[in-house]
Protein backbone atom coordinates (compact mmCIF):
# COMPACT_ATOMS: atom_id res chain seq x y z
CA MET A 1 -26.46 -31.92 32.08
CA ALA A 2 -28.15 -34.63 30.11
CA GLN A 3 -28.16 -34.05 26.38
CA PHE A 4 -31.47 -33.78 25.19
CA VAL A 5 -30.04 -34.16 21.33
CA ASP A 6 -26.70 -35.37 20.35
CA TRP A 7 -26.30 -32.44 18.05
CA ASP A 8 -23.51 -33.47 16.18
CA LEU A 9 -25.02 -36.88 15.48
CA ALA A 10 -27.92 -34.60 14.27
CA ALA A 11 -25.36 -32.57 11.63
CA ALA A 12 -24.01 -35.64 10.56
CA THR A 13 -27.51 -37.07 9.79
CA ALA A 14 -28.59 -34.08 8.01
CA GLY A 15 -25.63 -33.73 5.88
CA THR A 16 -25.93 -37.55 4.97
CA LEU A 17 -29.66 -37.36 4.10
CA SER A 18 -29.60 -33.87 2.24
CA LYS A 19 -30.09 -34.31 -1.32
CA SER A 20 -27.43 -32.47 -3.45
CA GLY A 21 -29.80 -30.25 -5.60
CA PRO A 22 -30.27 -29.45 -9.11
CA ARG A 23 -27.28 -30.03 -11.70
CA VAL A 24 -25.10 -26.78 -11.80
CA GLY A 25 -22.00 -26.18 -13.28
CA TYR A 26 -19.15 -24.49 -11.21
CA ASP A 27 -19.25 -21.26 -13.40
CA GLU A 28 -22.72 -21.10 -12.94
CA ALA A 29 -22.75 -21.88 -9.16
CA VAL A 30 -20.35 -18.72 -8.56
CA ALA A 31 -22.64 -16.37 -11.13
CA VAL A 32 -25.62 -17.44 -9.06
CA VAL A 33 -24.22 -16.71 -5.54
CA ALA A 34 -22.97 -13.20 -6.99
CA ASP A 35 -25.94 -12.77 -8.29
CA LEU A 36 -28.04 -13.44 -4.76
CA ARG A 37 -24.97 -11.51 -2.94
CA ARG A 38 -26.01 -8.41 -5.57
CA LEU A 39 -29.86 -8.57 -5.57
CA THR A 40 -29.78 -8.76 -1.59
CA ASP A 41 -28.33 -5.32 -1.32
CA GLU A 42 -30.66 -4.12 -3.97
CA ALA A 43 -33.57 -5.40 -2.29
CA ALA A 44 -32.21 -3.68 0.94
CA GLY A 45 -32.44 -0.35 -0.74
CA HIS A 46 -36.32 -0.95 -2.16
CA VAL A 47 -37.26 -2.52 1.49
CA SER A 48 -35.75 0.46 3.30
CA ALA A 49 -37.87 3.01 0.88
CA TYR A 50 -40.94 1.36 0.86
CA THR A 51 -41.37 0.56 4.40
CA GLY A 52 -39.54 3.53 6.05
CA LEU A 53 -37.78 0.79 8.36
CA VAL A 54 -33.91 1.86 8.81
CA ALA A 55 -31.36 -0.53 10.50
CA GLN A 56 -30.60 0.70 13.84
CA MET A 57 -27.58 -1.90 14.15
CA GLU A 58 -24.89 -3.47 12.26
CA HIS A 59 -25.56 -7.26 10.69
CA PRO A 60 -23.40 -9.70 8.97
CA PRO A 61 -23.28 -9.95 4.85
CA VAL A 62 -25.99 -12.49 3.53
CA ARG A 63 -24.59 -15.62 3.31
CA VAL A 64 -25.70 -17.71 0.33
CA VAL A 65 -25.62 -21.36 1.42
CA ASP A 66 -26.29 -25.07 0.26
CA ARG A 67 -28.44 -27.81 1.89
CA ARG A 68 -25.97 -29.16 3.87
CA ASP A 69 -24.90 -25.63 5.47
CA TRP A 70 -28.28 -24.49 6.05
CA ALA A 71 -28.85 -27.83 8.06
CA ALA A 72 -25.47 -27.39 9.91
CA VAL A 73 -26.69 -23.49 10.67
CA ASN A 74 -30.19 -24.18 12.34
CA VAL A 75 -28.35 -27.29 14.30
CA ALA A 76 -25.82 -25.05 15.69
CA GLY A 77 -28.64 -22.45 16.39
CA LEU A 78 -31.15 -24.60 17.95
CA ARG A 79 -28.21 -26.19 20.61
CA ASP A 80 -27.51 -22.30 21.37
CA VAL A 81 -30.98 -21.95 22.42
CA ILE A 82 -32.42 -25.08 23.60
CA ALA A 83 -29.25 -26.52 26.03
CA PRO A 84 -29.82 -23.28 28.38
CA LEU A 85 -33.61 -23.97 28.19
CA LEU A 86 -33.39 -27.47 29.09
CA THR A 87 -30.03 -26.84 31.94
CA ARG A 88 -33.05 -24.62 33.34
CA ILE A 89 -35.85 -26.89 33.37
CA THR A 90 -33.80 -30.09 34.76
CA GLY A 91 -31.93 -28.50 37.38
CA ASP A 92 -28.73 -30.47 35.93
CA ARG A 93 -30.12 -33.81 36.86
CA GLN A 94 -28.56 -36.65 35.41
CA PRO A 95 -30.77 -39.54 34.17
CA GLY A 96 -28.71 -42.54 34.32
CA PRO A 97 -25.96 -42.51 31.18
CA ILE A 98 -27.29 -45.57 28.93
CA THR A 99 -30.99 -43.58 29.04
CA ASP A 100 -29.06 -39.91 28.30
CA ALA A 101 -27.25 -41.75 25.40
CA ILE A 102 -29.78 -43.74 23.60
CA GLY A 103 -32.59 -40.56 24.14
CA SER A 104 -29.95 -38.25 22.92
CA ARG A 105 -28.65 -40.16 19.81
CA LEU A 106 -32.34 -41.46 18.78
CA THR A 107 -33.51 -37.48 19.20
CA GLY A 108 -30.26 -36.50 17.08
CA VAL A 109 -31.29 -38.84 14.33
CA GLN A 110 -34.71 -37.87 14.53
CA ALA A 111 -33.75 -34.07 14.12
CA GLY A 112 -31.52 -34.56 11.38
CA THR A 113 -33.84 -36.44 9.67
CA VAL A 114 -36.49 -33.43 9.73
CA LEU A 115 -33.63 -30.86 9.19
CA ALA A 116 -32.74 -33.00 6.05
CA TYR A 117 -35.96 -32.71 4.32
CA LEU A 118 -36.47 -29.11 5.57
CA SER A 119 -33.15 -28.05 3.57
CA GLY A 120 -34.54 -29.20 0.24
CA ARG A 121 -37.79 -26.67 0.88
CA VAL A 122 -36.35 -23.57 2.08
CA LEU A 123 -35.45 -20.79 -0.17
CA GLY A 124 -34.14 -18.16 2.51
CA GLN A 125 -34.35 -17.35 6.42
CA TYR A 126 -33.76 -14.93 9.03
CA GLU A 127 -31.97 -17.12 11.47
CA VAL A 128 -32.08 -15.26 14.59
CA PHE A 129 -31.09 -18.23 17.45
CA SER A 130 -26.97 -18.41 17.04
CA GLY A 131 -26.57 -14.69 18.12
CA GLU A 132 -27.53 -11.07 17.69
CA PRO A 133 -28.93 -9.73 15.47
CA GLY A 134 -29.19 -13.13 13.33
CA GLN A 135 -28.26 -14.07 9.87
CA LEU A 136 -29.54 -13.78 6.67
CA LEU A 137 -29.26 -16.98 4.76
CA LEU A 138 -30.46 -17.64 0.95
CA VAL A 139 -30.53 -21.26 0.02
CA ALA A 140 -28.73 -21.29 -3.36
CA PRO A 141 -29.66 -24.71 -4.80
CA ASN A 142 -33.68 -24.42 -3.90
CA ILE A 143 -33.70 -21.12 -5.53
CA VAL A 144 -32.60 -22.42 -8.52
CA GLU A 145 -34.35 -25.55 -8.29
CA VAL A 146 -37.65 -23.82 -7.68
CA GLU A 147 -37.32 -21.06 -10.68
CA ARG A 148 -36.61 -23.82 -13.05
CA LYS A 149 -39.63 -25.59 -12.07
CA LEU A 150 -41.91 -22.42 -12.15
CA GLY A 151 -40.19 -21.44 -15.47
CA ALA A 152 -39.43 -17.73 -13.81
CA ASP A 153 -37.01 -15.20 -14.93
CA PRO A 154 -34.21 -16.18 -12.63
CA ARG A 155 -33.41 -12.68 -12.14
CA ASP A 156 -36.85 -11.75 -11.19
CA PHE A 157 -37.52 -14.95 -9.26
CA ARG A 158 -34.23 -14.13 -7.01
CA LEU A 159 -35.17 -10.49 -6.28
CA TRP A 160 -38.49 -11.56 -5.39
CA VAL A 161 -37.25 -14.05 -3.07
CA CYS A 162 -34.51 -11.47 -1.85
CA LEU A 163 -37.39 -8.94 -0.83
CA HIS A 164 -39.15 -11.05 1.30
CA GLU A 165 -36.11 -11.86 3.51
CA VAL A 166 -34.68 -8.84 3.23
CA THR A 167 -37.86 -7.68 5.25
CA HIS A 168 -37.40 -10.28 7.70
CA ARG A 169 -33.72 -9.05 8.29
CA THR A 170 -35.22 -5.76 8.48
CA GLN A 171 -37.82 -6.26 11.04
CA PHE A 172 -34.99 -7.80 13.39
CA THR A 173 -32.53 -5.16 12.89
CA ALA A 174 -34.67 -2.03 12.64
CA VAL A 175 -36.58 -3.16 15.79
CA PRO A 176 -33.73 -3.98 18.41
CA TRP A 177 -35.96 -5.61 21.06
CA MET A 178 -37.55 -7.78 18.23
CA ARG A 179 -35.03 -10.79 18.90
CA GLY A 180 -35.01 -10.63 22.42
CA HIS A 181 -38.63 -10.51 22.62
CA PHE A 182 -39.21 -13.49 20.32
CA LEU A 183 -36.63 -15.36 22.37
CA GLY A 184 -38.33 -14.38 25.50
CA GLU A 185 -41.48 -15.95 24.30
CA VAL A 186 -39.81 -19.12 23.60
CA GLN A 187 -38.49 -19.25 27.08
CA ALA A 188 -42.15 -18.52 28.39
CA PHE A 189 -43.74 -21.26 26.51
CA VAL A 190 -40.99 -23.65 28.10
CA ASP A 191 -41.55 -22.14 31.45
CA ALA A 192 -45.55 -22.52 31.17
CA SER A 193 -45.29 -26.25 31.32
CA GLN A 194 -46.51 -27.42 34.17
CA ILE A 195 -44.89 -30.86 34.02
CA GLY A 196 -41.24 -31.62 35.58
CA GLY A 197 -38.16 -31.15 33.40
CA ASP A 198 -37.53 -34.96 32.70
CA GLN A 199 -41.23 -35.24 31.67
CA LEU A 200 -40.82 -32.20 29.38
CA ALA A 201 -37.83 -33.21 27.71
CA ASP A 202 -39.76 -36.45 26.95
CA ARG A 203 -42.66 -34.61 25.60
CA LEU A 204 -40.16 -32.93 23.33
CA ARG A 205 -38.51 -35.92 22.14
CA ARG A 206 -41.85 -37.53 21.17
CA GLY A 207 -42.45 -34.16 19.17
CA VAL A 208 -39.30 -34.45 17.47
CA SER A 209 -40.45 -38.34 16.68
CA ALA A 210 -43.70 -37.10 15.46
CA LEU A 211 -41.87 -34.67 12.57
CA ALA A 212 -39.41 -37.41 11.89
CA ASP A 213 -42.38 -40.02 11.58
CA ALA A 214 -44.26 -37.69 9.12
CA VAL A 215 -41.11 -37.41 6.90
CA ARG A 216 -41.07 -41.26 6.74
CA ASP A 217 -44.82 -42.05 6.49
CA PRO A 218 -46.91 -39.20 5.43
CA GLU A 219 -49.91 -41.16 6.52
CA SER A 220 -48.61 -40.57 10.29
CA ARG A 221 -51.48 -38.91 12.22
CA THR A 222 -49.43 -37.72 15.28
CA SER A 223 -49.49 -33.67 16.22
CA VAL A 224 -46.73 -31.99 17.73
CA LEU A 225 -49.52 -29.42 19.02
CA GLU A 226 -50.12 -32.09 21.73
CA LEU A 227 -46.77 -30.67 23.47
CA VAL A 228 -49.34 -27.51 24.43
CA GLN A 229 -50.84 -29.05 27.34
CA THR A 230 -51.44 -25.55 29.65
CA PRO A 231 -53.62 -22.58 29.38
CA ALA A 232 -50.59 -20.82 30.06
CA GLN A 233 -48.75 -22.38 27.31
CA LYS A 234 -51.68 -21.56 24.88
CA ALA A 235 -51.62 -17.83 25.76
CA VAL A 236 -47.92 -17.89 24.92
CA LEU A 237 -48.53 -19.55 21.48
CA ASP A 238 -51.53 -17.39 20.56
CA ARG A 239 -48.58 -14.45 21.08
CA LEU A 240 -46.31 -16.20 19.16
CA THR A 241 -48.59 -16.94 16.34
CA ALA A 242 -49.63 -13.53 16.10
CA LEU A 243 -46.15 -12.30 16.07
CA MET A 244 -45.01 -14.68 13.24
CA THR A 245 -48.34 -14.17 11.52
CA LEU A 246 -47.44 -10.14 11.61
CA LEU A 247 -43.91 -10.78 10.25
CA GLU A 248 -44.67 -13.11 7.47
CA GLY A 249 -47.76 -11.06 6.18
CA HIS A 250 -45.75 -8.09 6.55
CA ALA A 251 -42.75 -9.62 4.07
CA GLU A 252 -45.75 -10.79 2.01
CA PHE A 253 -47.02 -7.26 1.74
CA VAL A 254 -43.65 -5.43 0.92
CA MET A 255 -42.26 -8.02 -1.65
CA ASP A 256 -45.66 -7.80 -3.75
CA GLY A 257 -45.74 -4.32 -2.75
CA VAL A 258 -42.28 -3.44 -4.06
CA GLY A 259 -42.69 -6.14 -6.75
CA PRO A 260 -44.36 -4.21 -9.46
CA GLU A 261 -42.09 -1.73 -9.53
CA VAL A 262 -39.01 -3.61 -9.80
CA ILE A 263 -39.94 -7.24 -11.18
CA PRO A 264 -41.47 -7.15 -14.51
CA SER A 265 -43.14 -10.70 -14.22
CA VAL A 266 -44.07 -10.53 -10.52
CA GLU A 267 -47.89 -11.14 -11.63
CA GLU A 268 -47.04 -14.56 -13.02
CA ILE A 269 -44.26 -15.25 -10.46
CA ARG A 270 -46.56 -15.05 -7.89
CA ALA A 271 -49.60 -16.90 -9.49
CA ARG A 272 -46.93 -20.17 -10.40
CA PHE A 273 -45.63 -19.81 -6.65
CA ASN A 274 -49.01 -19.86 -4.84
CA ARG A 275 -50.38 -22.77 -7.27
CA ARG A 276 -47.12 -24.45 -5.95
CA ARG A 277 -47.28 -23.82 -2.65
CA GLU A 278 -51.12 -24.83 -2.54
CA ALA A 279 -50.58 -28.20 -4.28
CA GLY A 280 -48.03 -29.83 -2.31
CA ASN A 281 -47.03 -33.67 -2.13
CA PRO A 282 -48.31 -36.17 0.05
CA LEU A 283 -45.51 -35.57 2.39
CA GLU A 284 -45.79 -31.74 2.49
CA LYS A 285 -49.38 -32.03 3.57
CA ALA A 286 -48.58 -34.58 6.25
CA LEU A 287 -46.42 -31.89 7.88
CA ARG A 288 -48.45 -29.06 7.64
CA ARG A 289 -50.92 -31.10 9.03
CA ILE A 290 -49.08 -32.58 12.07
CA LEU A 291 -47.56 -28.99 12.28
CA GLY A 292 -51.02 -26.98 12.46
CA ILE A 293 -49.05 -25.00 9.13
CA GLU A 294 -52.51 -25.27 7.02
CA ILE A 295 -53.96 -23.42 9.56
CA LYS A 296 -50.85 -20.96 9.64
CA MET A 297 -50.87 -20.73 6.20
CA ARG A 298 -54.16 -19.04 6.09
CA GLN A 299 -52.81 -16.80 9.15
CA TYR A 300 -49.97 -15.84 6.77
CA ALA A 301 -52.57 -14.73 4.33
CA GLU A 302 -54.39 -12.91 7.15
CA GLY A 303 -51.25 -11.43 8.29
CA ARG A 304 -51.01 -10.02 4.83
CA LYS A 305 -54.50 -8.74 4.62
CA PHE A 306 -53.82 -7.17 8.34
CA VAL A 307 -51.04 -5.43 7.07
CA HIS A 308 -52.75 -3.82 3.74
CA GLY A 309 -55.98 -2.99 6.02
CA VAL A 310 -53.89 -0.99 8.68
CA VAL A 311 -51.98 0.68 5.77
CA GLU A 312 -54.84 1.46 4.09
CA ARG A 313 -56.08 3.36 7.09
CA VAL A 314 -52.97 5.05 8.88
CA GLY A 315 -50.51 4.88 5.88
CA MET A 316 -47.20 3.15 6.31
CA ALA A 317 -46.19 5.45 8.76
CA GLY A 318 -49.03 4.59 10.79
CA PHE A 319 -48.36 0.86 10.49
CA ASN A 320 -44.86 1.18 11.80
CA LYS A 321 -46.01 1.76 15.42
CA VAL A 322 -46.37 -1.81 15.41
CA PHE A 323 -42.94 -2.04 16.20
CA SER A 324 -42.91 0.36 19.27
CA SER A 325 -43.02 -1.85 21.71
CA PRO A 326 -44.08 -5.69 22.46
CA LEU A 327 -47.55 -3.65 23.80
CA THR A 328 -48.14 -2.54 19.92
CA LEU A 329 -47.99 -5.93 18.34
CA PRO A 330 -51.17 -7.05 17.12
CA ARG A 331 -53.39 -9.40 19.08
CA LEU A 332 -54.34 -12.62 17.69
CA ALA A 333 -58.30 -11.55 17.55
CA GLU A 334 -56.82 -8.20 16.09
CA LEU A 335 -55.49 -9.90 12.80
CA GLY A 336 -58.62 -10.21 11.69
CA ASP A 337 -59.93 -6.56 12.78
CA PRO A 338 -57.52 -3.85 11.58
CA ASP A 339 -59.61 -1.27 13.11
CA ALA A 340 -59.33 -3.02 16.37
CA TRP A 341 -55.73 -2.74 16.47
CA VAL A 342 -55.95 1.06 15.26
CA ALA A 343 -58.42 2.06 17.53
CA ARG A 344 -56.44 0.45 20.52
CA VAL A 345 -52.91 1.92 19.05
CA HIS A 346 -53.92 5.38 17.36
CA GLY A 347 -57.10 6.01 19.26
CA PRO A 348 -60.72 5.87 17.87
CA VAL A 349 -59.81 8.73 15.44
CA PRO A 350 -56.79 7.52 13.50
CA PRO A 351 -54.88 10.29 11.08
CA ALA A 352 -55.55 10.67 7.37
CA ALA A 353 -53.67 7.88 5.47
CA GLY A 354 -50.29 9.05 3.86
């Protein structure tokens, strides 16, 4: 079929443009990797004990990566997901070879540019595209860079990051249907488009181009939300937004709930990290704007409030019913109204909080 992205070129571009990260000697780098692996195991015990969620499937060990490796993993994951979707929507129709080659190479460079930028910002990720059940990644150069900029205790900051990312791994390994549900919603979004495959591919290309333009020019005003054109797509996007808000809010709730017991400087770390997150440079602000992340950042805070509100009303075991099935996930409107979710899932008279 026509190649939407030249994935090899995207990986090469990301690798070329990715910055090397903070200056770290060999011995220190080895120690950081070992420390992150150990703290991931420690965090797993804390998260399981705090949430009551237990992995239902085997998962690979944490992978500690540099920026280029992170970009390469994400290129591979996106290729695994996007290629089959585009095969379905285009019906294997072939455009002219010149159009295909130029379009895919241009998008490859643009995608690589975006991934190179993100590779310098991401601390960790639970990558779900590459295979079941997913892979936990920690980006060592970024963790070291941020802990230095914050003046944080390295052990405390690294464990704090691990608590957040391990919570995401737990969400997907303790809830066997979660990954398939998420990927199904991504496919549903594509299926809900009312335009032809070639037009959709062109629109997706323009979305990638908008991101790349923002990386190069923070004054760019294009929004990738323009990709959402139909009521059906809006409905899917609402469900995806609610799901991601829940997962992020849950991770924030867990890391701050566990933190005071095992991380002496957690309050100072959270305060400094929030100030850094809210400030942002012009480029970060541009990317937040075109991606709608400004709204999503508020929703992540709303997600944490939702989790806190539900746990306060029905206890942690009662909250965990959110993971019973896709039908018990919160609706977008319920994120700001925990009572509505409790009433729908638990009934009008909730059990006493545990």
